[in-house]
Structure formats: structure tokens, C-alpha cells
Amino acid sequence: MRYLLPLLLVCSCLLTLPGCEPKENLLTTDSSAKLEFSTDTVMFDTVFTQVGTITKRLWVYNRNRRAVNVEQITLANPGGSPYALVINGDAGPAANNVEIRGKDSLQVLIRATLGPAQQAEDKPFLVEDQLRFRTNGNDQAVRLISYGRNAYFHRNEILPCITEWKNDKPHVIFGAVLVRPGCILTMLPGTRVYSHAGAAIIVKGTLRVNPDFQPTTELKADDRNLVRFAGDRLEPFYNEIPGQWAGIQFDSTSRNNVVRYAEIKNASFGLLVYNPGNQLPRPAVTVENTVIKNISGATLSFANGGQGFDGAGIFSFSGDFVLRNCLLTNCGEYAIRGIGGGQYDLNFCTVANYTPAFRRETASLAFTSKAARAKVANPIQTSISIQNSIVWGSIEDELAFENTGTAFPVSVTNSIVRTKLYRTLLSVNDNLINVAPKFKRAPDGGFSDKLDYSLDTLSPASNRPARGARLDYDLRHVQRGPAPDLGAYERKNP
């Protein structure tokens, strides 16, 4: 023991000698000790003015064996830059004397919020800045680039009683916009509506989407006349992600709604009628030549009803829907969900409900006459009509009816339906039960913009004489033949 204390004193002295300090902790002032970066340009995809971008990471590497002192990290325009930084965990436009150990790195988080550009029209504009680094007398920089777009912004807005949304710039919704009872919101051809997280369009009056548009030629998927609804994140990563905004809600006082030549995507629900008390006359929505896709509601909550529900492309609490030439796809819970009765009329529609990003166990089309509220008379009159359509998806039962009876007539004619439960009941009226429709390009494990739910040349849905009301043109305004194809798409002659 008498030798232990001297030994500890010797060791402690050795540890404090400069030559014993690890080299990665020693600072170098050599001007050749420069920084390296994970990229020379941090670029943000197009973003609306006043809407923040995603956060991107820039890695700053010290490849030297010894530590370096970064004297200053700053934006070139710190006073008026749209870019915000978090450097080494601290938020601010600049940081001084940041030490990076040898063979180590530093992370800088970058985000942009663009102000309005000078031009009023809808043209992308460029916003640039630089992130500058000074180390041992060396000045280095990384470019910061964003593309912005101007828009009309609506923040928790009660609209004037007669409102027409123009199509010269996109409309961006924060919170909600409200159409009051007895009032009308009209959207002209080419209107684009982008909603922030959780935002909704609430219609107590009337919504008229593309009410007067009449195409004269075949419409492509990117046709400028289509009215488009989506989330406000324009980065490619968000193209197919559901649940980015709430959806379009029609309340019990809503009347005479029309949605035509539109695309509704990436919402918690596409079109929702909320009339849980079954007030008469029921709200009604006519939907024509419209695509509803990428829908999922992670336990939606409706304050008035005090209940939570899943999402759906068409969601109805005691409402009436007419759908013609419509496509519903990639709906994580339901393509159409009807609760508390109502009338549902589908003609020449395609339900192609593949959900590769979800584990779906619910039928794509599910209806019940059971009331949405306990105090409402039960059951409620329900009527289902499916004609000349395709109801298909990734599970073996894509139809579900609950509380059926004399007050719940169901008519399915001249349609392809995937169902195990009702295969005997529906094997009449020229239906094809559990016969694959053979779409041109269905999902094979992933989702992309290249999917095509028109029919392959050998599809059993081709050339079947229409039953009921015949529609002369399909979803894309392709003329139907004498014996038209089932579903929303008519197969064009080669």
C-alpha cells in the first residue's frame, strides 16, 4: 500500500502531459485543413409561399486527424433569409467557434419558409442563399436553393355566400373553409386546391366542382381542366401518402352538390356526408368522372358525434351518393362506407382497392342500415344499386351488407365483384363473380403514378351490353362502343 499513492501521482501527471492528449482533440491551425460536405447544394422541391419545407440535413466532415475550430457558420443573408438553421442542436442564423474533432462530423439542419414573390401569377420562382463556413482562414460555402409558388391562402375562412374560386393560382387551405347554409362555392375548370395537415372543406350549403365543363376530346391524366385536391406538400416523397389533410365534408344542411372531372387524393376521407341524425331530406352528392385515391383516416374523430371512425374514399352518415364513371383506389379502410342508411347508385365505376402500404381487412364497399346515433330510429331505409361496374381489390370479400331486410334493397347487375360471402346471391343478373378483371397495370407490391386500371385486351369486362342507364363516354371522355366495357374505362381500339 505504501507504493500505491506515489504510483497514482505519477500516472496522473503523465495523463496531463500535452504529448499524451489524443490527436483528435488537438486543434490544428493549418490552412490546408479544410472541411468537406455531404453535398455542395441543399435543394428543396417546389413549396408554396408561407408554407414551410421539410427539414434537410447537411453533414460537415472534418477528415483531418486533428480537430478544427470553425470560426463562423452563417447564412450569407442572415437578416432576410428564408432559411432557418439548427447547428449542433442550437437554432439560429449563425454559430461561432464550433469545434469538430478529428475524423468527426457536424450536423446542420436546414428548413425554408418562403415569403411571397413579386409576381402575382402562378409561376415558380427561385430563392437562393449560401451557408458559409470559415476555418483556419478558409472560406467555404454550400448553396441553398428553393423553388416557390404563389397561391391564394384561406385560413379558417368563412366564405362569402356566392364564391367562385379562380384557377390562375392554387388555393391553399389552413384549418378549414366553410360554405354556409344556402351559400354556394363554385370551382372552375383547372382549379387546384392544396390543404395543410388536418385542413378541411366544410360544406353546409352547396359545392359545385367543375359543374359546366364539357370535354371535346380525350382527357389525359394531367389535363389542365381537371380540378385537383391534395395535400400541400409538393415534394415527390408525399405523392402517394394518404391522410395528409382531412377531406371535403357535407353537413346535414347541404344540398345539390356536384363534383365533376376532379381528382381527390391523399386525404383522410375523400367526400364525407355527415348527417348522423338522418335529417330529411338527406344531403346528396353527385360525383362524375372523378378519381379518389390514396385515402386513409387513422381513427377520425367527429366532435358532434363523439365517435371515432376509419377513413373512406366516400364516407356517408345517412347521405345519398350518385357515382358515375368514377375510380376509387388505394383506400386503406374503405372505398365506400355507408352508415345509417342512404341511397348509393354506382354506374360504370371501378373500385380497384389495392392497398400495398396497408394491411386492410375491411370490405371496400360496406353498408349498414344501423343508425349512427343511438337515439335515431333503427334501421334506416337503405338502397344500393351497382351497375356495369367493377368491385375488386386485395381481399376475398370486397362487399359487406349489415342489417339487411325489406328496408335494404340491394341490386347488383352486369358487374364484376370479388366476394366469397355473396357469391351465390350475386351469381345472377349477368354478374361475373370472382373473375379477375385483368387491369393493365395493378400493384405488384408497391404504388406509383404508373398504375393503370383500364382493361387489358383479354379482360372479361370488355364488350358487355350495358344494363340500366348507359353512359356514352367513360372517365377520360373516350366514347363507349355498342357493347361497352365494365367500369370507368372503355378500352380503346388499337
Protein backbone atom coordinates (compact mmCIF):
# COMPACT_ATOMS: atom_id res chain seq x y z
CA MET A 1 0.00 0.00 0.00
CA ARG A 2 2.88 2.40 0.71
CA TYR A 3 3.80 2.34 -3.02
CA LEU A 4 0.26 2.87 -4.28
CA LEU A 5 -0.06 6.63 -3.65
CA PRO A 6 3.21 7.58 -5.43
CA LEU A 7 2.21 5.40 -8.37
CA LEU A 8 -1.17 7.20 -8.72
CA LEU A 9 0.58 10.60 -8.58
CA VAL A 10 2.95 9.58 -11.39
CA CYS A 11 0.10 8.30 -13.58
CA SER A 12 -1.94 11.46 -13.09
CA CYS A 13 1.00 13.61 -14.12
CA LEU A 14 1.58 11.53 -17.23
CA LEU A 15 -2.04 11.98 -18.28
CA THR A 16 -1.74 15.77 -18.14
CA LEU A 17 1.32 15.96 -20.39
CA PRO A 18 0.50 17.67 -23.75
CA GLY A 19 2.08 14.90 -25.73
CA CYS A 20 -0.30 12.35 -24.19
CA GLU A 21 -3.54 14.05 -25.32
CA PRO A 22 -5.39 12.19 -28.14
CA LYS A 23 -4.61 13.74 -31.51
CA GLU A 24 -8.31 14.04 -32.42
CA ASN A 25 -8.66 16.55 -29.56
CA LEU A 26 -5.70 18.70 -30.58
CA LEU A 27 -6.54 21.75 -32.70
CA THR A 28 -4.79 22.37 -35.96
CA THR A 29 -4.42 25.84 -37.45
CA ASP A 30 -3.03 24.56 -40.73
CA SER A 31 -4.72 26.35 -43.65
CA SER A 32 -4.82 23.08 -45.59
CA ALA A 33 -7.25 21.62 -43.04
CA LYS A 34 -10.48 22.25 -44.93
CA LEU A 35 -13.99 20.92 -44.39
CA GLU A 36 -15.91 18.53 -46.60
CA PHE A 37 -19.68 18.41 -47.05
CA SER A 38 -22.26 15.74 -47.78
CA THR A 39 -23.42 17.90 -50.71
CA ASP A 40 -22.43 21.17 -52.32
CA THR A 41 -26.10 22.22 -52.77
CA VAL A 42 -29.10 21.74 -50.49
CA MET A 43 -32.12 21.89 -52.77
CA PHE A 44 -35.77 21.97 -51.74
CA ASP A 45 -38.57 20.93 -54.06
CA THR A 46 -41.25 23.41 -55.02
CA VAL A 47 -43.09 24.77 -51.99
CA PHE A 48 -45.91 27.27 -51.54
CA THR A 49 -45.02 30.64 -50.11
CA GLN A 50 -45.74 30.85 -46.37
CA VAL A 51 -45.64 27.04 -46.10
CA GLY A 52 -42.51 25.57 -44.55
CA THR A 53 -40.44 22.96 -46.32
CA ILE A 54 -39.31 19.67 -44.89
CA THR A 55 -36.11 19.75 -42.82
CA LYS A 56 -32.98 18.63 -44.62
CA ARG A 57 -29.64 17.56 -43.13
CA LEU A 58 -26.21 18.77 -44.16
CA TRP A 59 -23.24 16.82 -42.82
CA VAL A 60 -20.00 18.74 -42.31
CA TYR A 61 -16.95 16.46 -42.17
CA ASN A 62 -13.51 17.05 -40.67
CA ARG A 63 -11.35 14.50 -42.49
CA ASN A 64 -8.20 15.67 -40.66
CA ARG A 65 -6.59 13.70 -37.86
CA ARG A 66 -6.70 16.76 -35.58
CA ALA A 67 -9.64 18.90 -34.50
CA VAL A 68 -10.54 22.13 -36.29
CA ASN A 69 -12.20 25.24 -34.96
CA VAL A 70 -14.87 26.55 -37.32
CA GLU A 71 -14.69 30.23 -36.53
CA GLN A 72 -18.04 31.06 -38.07
CA ILE A 73 -21.01 29.31 -39.66
CA THR A 74 -23.51 31.79 -41.08
CA LEU A 75 -26.02 32.47 -43.80
CA ALA A 76 -24.87 34.90 -46.48
CA ASN A 77 -28.03 36.92 -45.84
CA PRO A 78 -28.75 36.29 -42.14
CA GLY A 79 -31.13 39.21 -41.72
CA GLY A 80 -33.56 38.44 -44.53
CA SER A 81 -33.00 34.82 -45.43
CA PRO A 82 -35.98 32.43 -45.64
CA TYR A 83 -33.75 29.65 -44.35
CA ALA A 84 -33.65 28.56 -40.70
CA LEU A 85 -30.76 26.60 -39.19
CA VAL A 86 -30.13 24.28 -36.28
CA ILE A 87 -26.36 23.94 -35.78
CA ASN A 88 -25.12 21.36 -33.36
CA GLY A 89 -28.54 21.37 -31.68
CA ASP A 90 -28.81 25.17 -31.37
CA ALA A 91 -31.28 27.15 -33.51
CA GLY A 92 -30.13 30.41 -35.08
CA PRO A 93 -28.82 32.02 -38.26
CA ALA A 94 -25.18 31.66 -37.21
CA ALA A 95 -22.76 29.95 -34.84
CA ASN A 96 -19.22 30.84 -33.81
CA ASN A 97 -16.21 28.78 -32.72
CA VAL A 98 -17.69 25.36 -33.35
CA GLU A 99 -15.11 22.65 -32.77
CA ILE A 100 -15.15 19.44 -34.81
CA ARG A 101 -12.90 16.69 -33.53
CA GLY A 102 -10.53 14.87 -35.83
CA LYS A 103 -12.24 12.36 -38.15
CA ASP A 104 -15.61 13.55 -36.84
CA SER A 105 -18.60 15.43 -38.26
CA LEU A 106 -21.18 18.11 -37.53
CA GLN A 107 -24.88 18.07 -38.48
CA VAL A 108 -26.69 21.19 -39.69
CA LEU A 109 -30.50 21.09 -40.07
CA ILE A 110 -31.97 23.43 -42.69
CA ARG A 111 -35.57 24.47 -43.32
CA ALA A 112 -37.11 27.13 -45.57
CA THR A 113 -40.25 29.27 -45.32
CA LEU A 114 -40.63 31.43 -48.40
CA GLY A 115 -42.27 34.82 -48.49
CA PRO A 116 -44.49 35.92 -51.39
CA ALA A 117 -42.75 36.69 -54.66
CA GLN A 118 -43.24 39.89 -56.57
CA GLN A 119 -45.09 38.26 -59.46
CA ALA A 120 -48.79 37.64 -58.86
CA GLU A 121 -49.25 34.81 -61.33
CA ASP A 122 -48.64 31.14 -60.66
CA LYS A 123 -45.05 30.82 -61.86
CA PRO A 124 -42.28 29.11 -59.86
CA PHE A 125 -39.60 31.46 -58.58
CA LEU A 126 -36.10 30.77 -57.28
CA VAL A 127 -34.90 31.65 -53.77
CA GLU A 128 -31.17 31.26 -53.09
CA ASP A 129 -28.78 31.76 -50.20
CA GLN A 130 -25.45 30.37 -49.03
CA LEU A 131 -24.35 28.66 -45.85
CA ARG A 132 -20.80 29.87 -45.25
CA PHE A 133 -18.01 28.32 -43.20
CA ARG A 134 -14.70 29.98 -42.13
CA THR A 135 -11.98 27.61 -40.90
CA ASN A 136 -8.29 28.45 -40.49
CA GLY A 137 -8.60 31.33 -42.94
CA ASN A 138 -10.50 29.25 -45.49
CA ASP A 139 -13.93 30.37 -46.71
CA GLN A 140 -16.21 27.61 -47.97
CA ALA A 141 -19.91 27.66 -48.88
CA VAL A 142 -22.85 25.37 -49.57
CA ARG A 143 -25.66 26.66 -51.81
CA LEU A 144 -29.25 26.70 -50.54
CA ILE A 145 -31.92 26.62 -53.27
CA SER A 146 -35.73 26.57 -53.11
CA TYR A 147 -38.44 26.98 -55.71
CA GLY A 148 -41.57 28.77 -54.54
CA ARG A 149 -45.11 29.23 -55.84
CA ASN A 150 -47.64 31.89 -55.03
CA ALA A 151 -51.17 30.92 -54.08
CA TYR A 152 -54.46 32.10 -52.64
CA PHE A 153 -54.39 31.34 -48.90
CA HIS A 154 -57.51 30.52 -46.88
CA ARG A 155 -57.06 30.36 -43.09
CA ASN A 156 -60.13 29.27 -41.12
CA GLU A 157 -62.22 31.27 -43.54
CA ILE A 158 -66.00 31.68 -43.77
CA LEU A 159 -66.55 32.21 -47.48
CA PRO A 160 -68.80 34.89 -48.97
CA CYS A 161 -72.22 33.49 -49.82
CA ILE A 162 -71.55 33.29 -53.56
CA THR A 163 -67.92 32.39 -54.12
CA GLU A 164 -66.08 31.33 -57.27
CA TRP A 165 -62.52 30.08 -56.92
CA LYS A 166 -60.28 31.14 -59.79
CA ASN A 167 -57.80 28.86 -61.47
CA ASP A 168 -54.93 31.30 -62.09
CA LYS A 169 -53.16 30.32 -58.85
CA PRO A 170 -53.52 27.37 -56.47
CA HIS A 171 -55.69 27.67 -53.36
CA VAL A 172 -54.03 26.60 -50.08
CA ILE A 173 -56.19 25.87 -47.01
CA PHE A 174 -55.06 26.15 -43.40
CA GLY A 175 -57.55 24.93 -40.79
CA ALA A 176 -60.85 24.96 -42.69
CA VAL A 177 -63.01 26.87 -45.12
CA LEU A 178 -66.75 26.98 -44.51
CA VAL A 179 -69.59 27.24 -47.03
CA ARG A 180 -72.59 28.48 -45.03
CA PRO A 181 -76.14 27.09 -45.37
CA GLY A 182 -77.81 28.38 -48.50
CA CYS A 183 -74.47 29.56 -49.95
CA ILE A 184 -72.51 28.24 -52.95
CA LEU A 185 -68.84 27.61 -53.65
CA THR A 186 -68.04 27.01 -57.33
CA MET A 187 -64.67 25.75 -58.59
CA LEU A 188 -63.82 26.49 -62.22
CA PRO A 189 -62.03 24.04 -64.55
CA GLY A 190 -58.36 23.75 -63.65
CA THR A 191 -58.74 24.87 -60.03
CA ARG A 192 -56.11 23.33 -57.74
CA VAL A 193 -56.76 23.05 -54.02
CA TYR A 194 -53.99 22.09 -51.60
CA SER A 195 -54.72 21.59 -47.91
CA HIS A 196 -52.36 21.79 -44.96
CA ALA A 197 -52.22 18.98 -42.40
CA GLY A 198 -55.67 18.44 -40.87
CA ALA A 199 -57.37 21.04 -43.08
CA ALA A 200 -60.89 20.51 -44.47
CA ILE A 201 -63.56 21.99 -46.70
CA ILE A 202 -66.84 22.08 -44.75
CA VAL A 203 -69.98 22.49 -46.84
CA LYS A 204 -73.22 23.43 -45.12
CA GLY A 205 -74.53 24.91 -48.37
CA THR A 206 -73.60 23.77 -51.88
CA LEU A 207 -70.32 22.78 -53.54
CA ARG A 208 -70.13 22.82 -57.34
CA VAL A 209 -66.87 21.43 -58.72
CA ASN A 210 -66.43 21.78 -62.49
CA PRO A 211 -70.22 21.96 -62.91
CA ASP A 212 -70.30 23.13 -66.54
CA PHE A 213 -67.15 21.63 -68.05
CA GLN A 214 -67.80 19.57 -71.19
CA PRO A 215 -64.70 17.99 -72.76
CA THR A 216 -64.49 17.68 -76.53
CA THR A 217 -61.50 15.31 -76.73
CA GLU A 218 -59.98 12.51 -74.68
CA LEU A 219 -58.63 13.69 -71.32
CA LYS A 220 -55.13 12.74 -70.19
CA ALA A 221 -54.30 12.20 -66.51
CA ASP A 222 -52.55 15.58 -66.40
CA ASP A 223 -55.28 17.51 -68.22
CA ARG A 224 -55.33 21.15 -67.09
CA ASN A 225 -59.13 21.23 -66.88
CA LEU A 226 -59.35 18.70 -64.05
CA VAL A 227 -59.97 20.13 -60.57
CA ARG A 228 -57.41 18.69 -58.16
CA PHE A 229 -57.49 18.31 -54.38
CA ALA A 230 -54.37 17.21 -52.49
CA GLY A 231 -52.13 17.94 -49.52
CA ASP A 232 -49.86 20.98 -49.64
CA ARG A 233 -46.57 19.05 -49.50
CA LEU A 234 -45.29 19.12 -53.07
CA GLU A 235 -42.14 17.06 -52.52
CA PRO A 236 -42.19 13.79 -54.54
CA PHE A 237 -41.96 11.78 -51.30
CA TYR A 238 -45.52 12.83 -50.46
CA ASN A 239 -47.10 11.99 -53.83
CA GLU A 240 -48.85 8.81 -52.69
CA ILE A 241 -49.06 9.24 -48.90
CA PRO A 242 -52.65 9.21 -47.51
CA GLY A 243 -54.04 11.19 -44.60
CA GLN A 244 -52.22 14.47 -45.32
CA TRP A 245 -55.43 16.52 -44.94
CA ALA A 246 -58.94 15.82 -43.72
CA GLY A 247 -61.17 15.95 -46.82
CA ILE A 248 -64.43 17.51 -48.02
CA GLN A 249 -67.34 17.32 -45.55
CA PHE A 250 -71.01 17.92 -46.33
CA ASP A 251 -73.22 18.61 -43.31
CA SER A 252 -76.93 17.88 -42.86
CA THR A 253 -78.00 21.23 -44.37
CA SER A 254 -76.02 20.71 -47.57
CA ARG A 255 -77.93 20.38 -50.84
CA ASN A 256 -77.40 19.84 -54.60
CA ASN A 257 -73.68 19.12 -54.54
CA VAL A 258 -71.83 18.21 -57.74
CA VAL A 259 -68.22 17.03 -58.11
CA ARG A 260 -67.18 16.51 -61.75
CA TYR A 261 -63.91 15.92 -63.58
CA ALA A 262 -61.86 16.02 -60.42
CA GLU A 263 -59.08 14.20 -58.58
CA ILE A 264 -59.18 13.90 -54.78
CA LYS A 265 -56.16 12.29 -53.18
CA ASN A 266 -54.01 11.87 -50.06
CA ALA A 267 -56.78 12.69 -47.57
CA SER A 268 -58.32 11.00 -44.52
CA PHE A 269 -61.62 10.85 -46.40
CA GLY A 270 -62.47 11.98 -49.89
CA LEU A 271 -66.12 13.04 -49.68
CA LEU A 272 -67.98 12.78 -46.37
CA VAL A 273 -71.67 13.34 -45.73
CA TYR A 274 -72.20 13.89 -42.01
CA ASN A 275 -75.90 13.58 -41.19
CA PRO A 276 -75.90 11.16 -38.23
CA GLY A 277 -79.38 12.25 -37.14
CA ASN A 278 -80.81 11.19 -40.53
CA GLN A 279 -82.38 14.60 -41.13
CA LEU A 280 -84.59 14.70 -44.22
CA PRO A 281 -84.13 15.47 -46.99
CA ARG A 282 -80.74 13.84 -46.77
CA PRO A 283 -77.67 15.65 -48.15
CA ALA A 284 -76.92 14.44 -51.66
CA VAL A 285 -73.73 14.45 -53.73
CA THR A 286 -73.39 13.60 -57.42
CA VAL A 287 -69.86 12.53 -58.39
CA GLU A 288 -68.93 12.15 -62.06
CA ASN A 289 -65.68 11.37 -63.90
CA THR A 290 -63.66 11.65 -60.71
CA VAL A 291 -60.68 9.76 -59.26
CA ILE A 292 -60.45 9.29 -55.49
CA LYS A 293 -57.22 7.68 -54.31
CA ASN A 294 -54.67 7.35 -51.51
CA ILE A 295 -57.17 7.67 -48.66
CA SER A 296 -56.75 6.64 -45.03
CA GLY A 297 -58.03 8.07 -41.77
CA ALA A 298 -56.19 6.94 -38.69
CA THR A 299 -59.18 6.97 -36.31
CA LEU A 300 -61.05 10.03 -37.45
CA SER A 301 -62.94 11.85 -34.73
CA PHE A 302 -66.16 13.82 -35.16
CA ALA A 303 -66.84 16.11 -32.23
CA ASN A 304 -70.58 16.30 -32.81
CA GLY A 305 -70.96 12.55 -32.83
CA GLY A 306 -68.47 11.81 -30.08
CA GLN A 307 -67.19 8.82 -32.04
CA GLY A 308 -64.09 7.85 -33.95
CA PHE A 309 -64.18 6.23 -37.39
CA ASP A 310 -61.84 4.95 -40.04
CA GLY A 311 -61.37 6.75 -43.32
CA ALA A 312 -63.04 6.15 -46.70
CA GLY A 313 -62.98 7.48 -50.21
CA ILE A 314 -66.74 8.05 -49.94
CA PHE A 315 -67.95 8.20 -46.33
CA SER A 316 -71.62 8.69 -45.58
CA PHE A 317 -73.62 9.03 -42.40
CA SER A 318 -77.21 8.97 -43.71
CA GLY A 319 -76.46 10.59 -47.04
CA ASP A 320 -77.15 9.94 -50.72
CA PHE A 321 -74.46 9.46 -53.36
CA VAL A 322 -74.62 9.03 -57.12
CA LEU A 323 -71.34 7.94 -58.73
CA ARG A 324 -70.80 7.74 -62.49
CA ASN A 325 -67.52 7.00 -64.29
CA CYS A 326 -65.50 7.09 -61.06
CA LEU A 327 -62.32 5.32 -59.94
CA LEU A 328 -61.66 4.60 -56.25
CA THR A 329 -58.30 3.08 -55.36
CA ASN A 330 -55.77 2.69 -52.53
CA CYS A 331 -58.30 3.40 -49.76
CA GLY A 332 -56.77 1.98 -46.61
CA GLU A 333 -60.03 1.22 -44.80
CA TYR A 334 -62.98 1.61 -47.20
CA ALA A 335 -63.55 2.81 -50.73
CA ILE A 336 -67.20 3.50 -49.85
CA ARG A 337 -68.59 3.31 -46.31
CA GLY A 338 -72.27 3.92 -45.66
CA ILE A 339 -73.62 4.12 -42.09
CA GLY A 340 -77.18 4.93 -41.08
CA GLY A 341 -78.84 4.25 -44.42
CA GLY A 342 -78.96 6.32 -47.56
CA GLN A 343 -79.09 5.75 -51.29
CA TYR A 344 -75.99 4.71 -53.23
CA ASP A 345 -76.08 4.47 -57.01
CA LEU A 346 -72.93 3.34 -58.84
CA ASN A 347 -72.85 3.14 -62.63
CA PHE A 348 -69.75 2.40 -64.73
CA CYS A 349 -67.43 2.74 -61.73
CA THR A 350 -64.17 0.96 -60.97
CA VAL A 351 -63.23 0.10 -57.41
CA ALA A 352 -59.66 -1.23 -57.62
CA ASN A 353 -58.79 -1.21 -53.97
CA TYR A 354 -55.27 -2.49 -53.73
CA THR A 355 -53.57 -1.22 -50.60
CA PRO A 356 -49.90 -2.31 -50.64
CA ALA A 357 -48.98 0.16 -47.89
CA PHE A 358 -51.75 -1.04 -45.54
CA ARG A 359 -52.99 -4.25 -44.03
CA ARG A 360 -56.67 -3.92 -44.91
CA GLU A 361 -59.25 -6.35 -43.52
CA THR A 362 -62.42 -4.37 -44.29
CA ALA A 363 -64.50 -4.75 -47.43
CA SER A 364 -64.02 -1.97 -49.97
CA LEU A 365 -67.79 -1.35 -50.09
CA ALA A 366 -69.53 -1.67 -46.73
CA PHE A 367 -73.09 -0.55 -45.92
CA THR A 368 -75.35 -0.75 -42.89
CA SER A 369 -78.85 0.48 -42.16
CA LYS A 370 -77.97 0.69 -38.46
CA ALA A 371 -78.30 4.27 -37.21
CA ALA A 372 -75.17 6.26 -36.50
CA ARG A 373 -76.70 7.52 -33.22
CA ALA A 374 -78.49 5.57 -30.54
CA LYS A 375 -81.50 7.91 -30.38
CA VAL A 376 -82.23 7.66 -34.11
CA ALA A 377 -84.85 5.17 -35.33
CA ASN A 378 -83.24 1.92 -36.44
CA PRO A 379 -82.97 0.53 -39.12
CA ILE A 380 -82.91 3.35 -41.68
CA GLN A 381 -84.02 2.97 -45.29
CA THR A 382 -81.03 1.94 -47.39
CA SER A 383 -80.78 1.36 -51.13
CA ILE A 384 -77.77 0.02 -53.04
CA SER A 385 -77.53 -0.10 -56.83
CA ILE A 386 -74.35 -1.22 -58.61
CA GLN A 387 -74.48 -1.44 -62.40
CA ASN A 388 -71.89 -2.00 -65.14
CA SER A 389 -69.12 -1.69 -62.58
CA ILE A 390 -66.05 -3.46 -61.20
CA VAL A 391 -65.68 -4.05 -57.46
CA TRP A 392 -62.27 -5.60 -56.93
CA GLY A 393 -59.39 -5.45 -54.50
CA SER A 394 -56.81 -7.32 -52.48
CA ILE A 395 -59.10 -9.30 -50.14
CA GLU A 396 -61.62 -12.03 -50.96
CA ASP A 397 -64.72 -10.16 -49.74
CA GLU A 398 -64.96 -6.65 -51.16
CA LEU A 399 -68.69 -6.24 -50.37
CA ALA A 400 -70.36 -6.16 -46.96
CA PHE A 401 -74.02 -5.54 -46.06
CA GLU A 402 -75.28 -5.26 -42.48
CA ASN A 403 -78.87 -5.08 -41.16
CA THR A 404 -80.35 -6.06 -44.49
CA GLY A 405 -84.06 -6.69 -44.92
CA THR A 406 -87.10 -5.28 -46.66
CA ALA A 407 -85.84 -1.75 -45.92
CA PHE A 408 -82.49 -2.57 -47.52
CA PRO A 409 -82.86 -3.47 -51.22
CA VAL A 410 -79.61 -4.38 -52.98
CA SER A 411 -79.28 -4.52 -56.77
CA VAL A 412 -76.05 -5.62 -58.44
CA THR A 413 -76.24 -6.13 -62.21
CA ASN A 414 -73.78 -6.67 -65.05
CA SER A 415 -70.75 -6.17 -62.78
CA ILE A 416 -67.56 -7.92 -61.75
CA VAL A 417 -67.49 -8.45 -57.99
CA ARG A 418 -64.97 -10.10 -55.72
CA THR A 419 -66.92 -11.77 -52.93
CA LYS A 420 -66.93 -15.08 -51.14
CA LEU A 421 -69.82 -14.30 -48.82
CA TYR A 422 -72.31 -13.29 -51.55
CA ARG A 423 -71.09 -15.38 -54.48
CA THR A 424 -74.31 -17.39 -54.68
CA LEU A 425 -76.64 -14.44 -54.10
CA LEU A 426 -74.97 -12.30 -56.77
CA SER A 427 -74.44 -15.02 -59.40
CA VAL A 428 -77.39 -13.63 -61.35
CA ASN A 429 -78.21 -10.55 -63.42
CA ASP A 430 -75.18 -11.04 -65.74
CA ASN A 431 -72.67 -10.60 -62.94
CA LEU A 432 -69.19 -12.13 -63.03
CA ILE A 433 -68.28 -13.28 -59.54
CA ASN A 434 -64.63 -13.72 -58.53
CA VAL A 435 -63.44 -13.38 -62.13
CA ALA A 436 -60.34 -11.19 -62.23
CA PRO A 437 -60.94 -8.06 -64.36
CA LYS A 438 -57.35 -8.02 -65.69
CA PHE A 439 -56.34 -4.41 -65.30
CA LYS A 440 -53.47 -3.18 -67.45
CA ARG A 441 -51.16 -2.41 -64.54
CA ALA A 442 -52.16 -3.25 -60.96
CA PRO A 443 -49.80 -3.03 -57.95
CA ASP A 444 -47.19 -5.74 -57.56
CA GLY A 445 -46.03 -4.77 -54.08
CA GLY A 446 -45.76 -1.01 -54.40
CA PHE A 447 -47.66 2.07 -55.52
CA SER A 448 -46.69 4.55 -58.19
CA ASP A 449 -48.15 7.01 -60.67
CA LYS A 450 -47.73 4.40 -63.42
CA LEU A 451 -50.66 2.24 -62.29
CA ASP A 452 -53.33 1.79 -64.93
CA TYR A 453 -56.81 0.47 -64.11
CA SER A 454 -58.03 0.47 -67.66
CA LEU A 455 -58.63 -3.00 -69.08
CA ASP A 456 -56.19 -5.40 -70.69
CA THR A 457 -57.02 -6.76 -74.13
CA LEU A 458 -58.14 -10.11 -72.66
CA SER A 459 -60.26 -8.66 -69.88
CA PRO A 460 -63.59 -10.42 -69.25
CA ALA A 461 -65.05 -6.97 -68.52
CA SER A 462 -64.84 -6.00 -72.19
CA ASN A 463 -67.78 -5.73 -74.58
CA ARG A 464 -70.73 -6.39 -72.32
CA PRO A 465 -74.08 -4.80 -73.21
CA ALA A 466 -74.97 -2.15 -70.66
CA ARG A 467 -77.74 -2.62 -68.15
CA GLY A 468 -79.78 0.35 -66.95
CA ALA A 469 -78.65 3.87 -67.79
CA ARG A 470 -75.99 3.84 -70.49
CA LEU A 471 -73.14 6.40 -70.35
CA ASP A 472 -71.86 7.34 -73.80
CA TYR A 473 -68.39 8.38 -72.61
CA ASP A 474 -66.02 6.97 -69.98
CA LEU A 475 -63.96 8.65 -67.25
CA ARG A 476 -61.46 10.05 -69.78
CA HIS A 477 -64.17 11.04 -72.28
CA VAL A 478 -63.47 8.06 -74.56
CA GLN A 479 -66.61 7.10 -76.46
CA ARG A 480 -68.09 3.79 -75.42
CA GLY A 481 -68.83 1.13 -78.01
CA PRO A 482 -72.21 -0.53 -78.72
CA ALA A 483 -71.30 -3.19 -76.13
CA PRO A 484 -69.34 -1.07 -73.61
CA ASP A 485 -66.72 -2.29 -71.16
CA LEU A 486 -67.48 -2.53 -67.47
CA GLY A 487 -66.03 0.00 -65.10
CA ALA A 488 -64.86 3.57 -65.52
CA TYR A 489 -62.59 2.94 -68.52
CA GLU A 490 -63.54 1.98 -72.07
CA ARG A 491 -60.75 0.06 -73.78
CA LYS A 492 -59.70 1.96 -76.89
CA ASN A 493 -59.43 0.19 -80.21
CA PRO A 494 -55.81 -0.26 -81.34
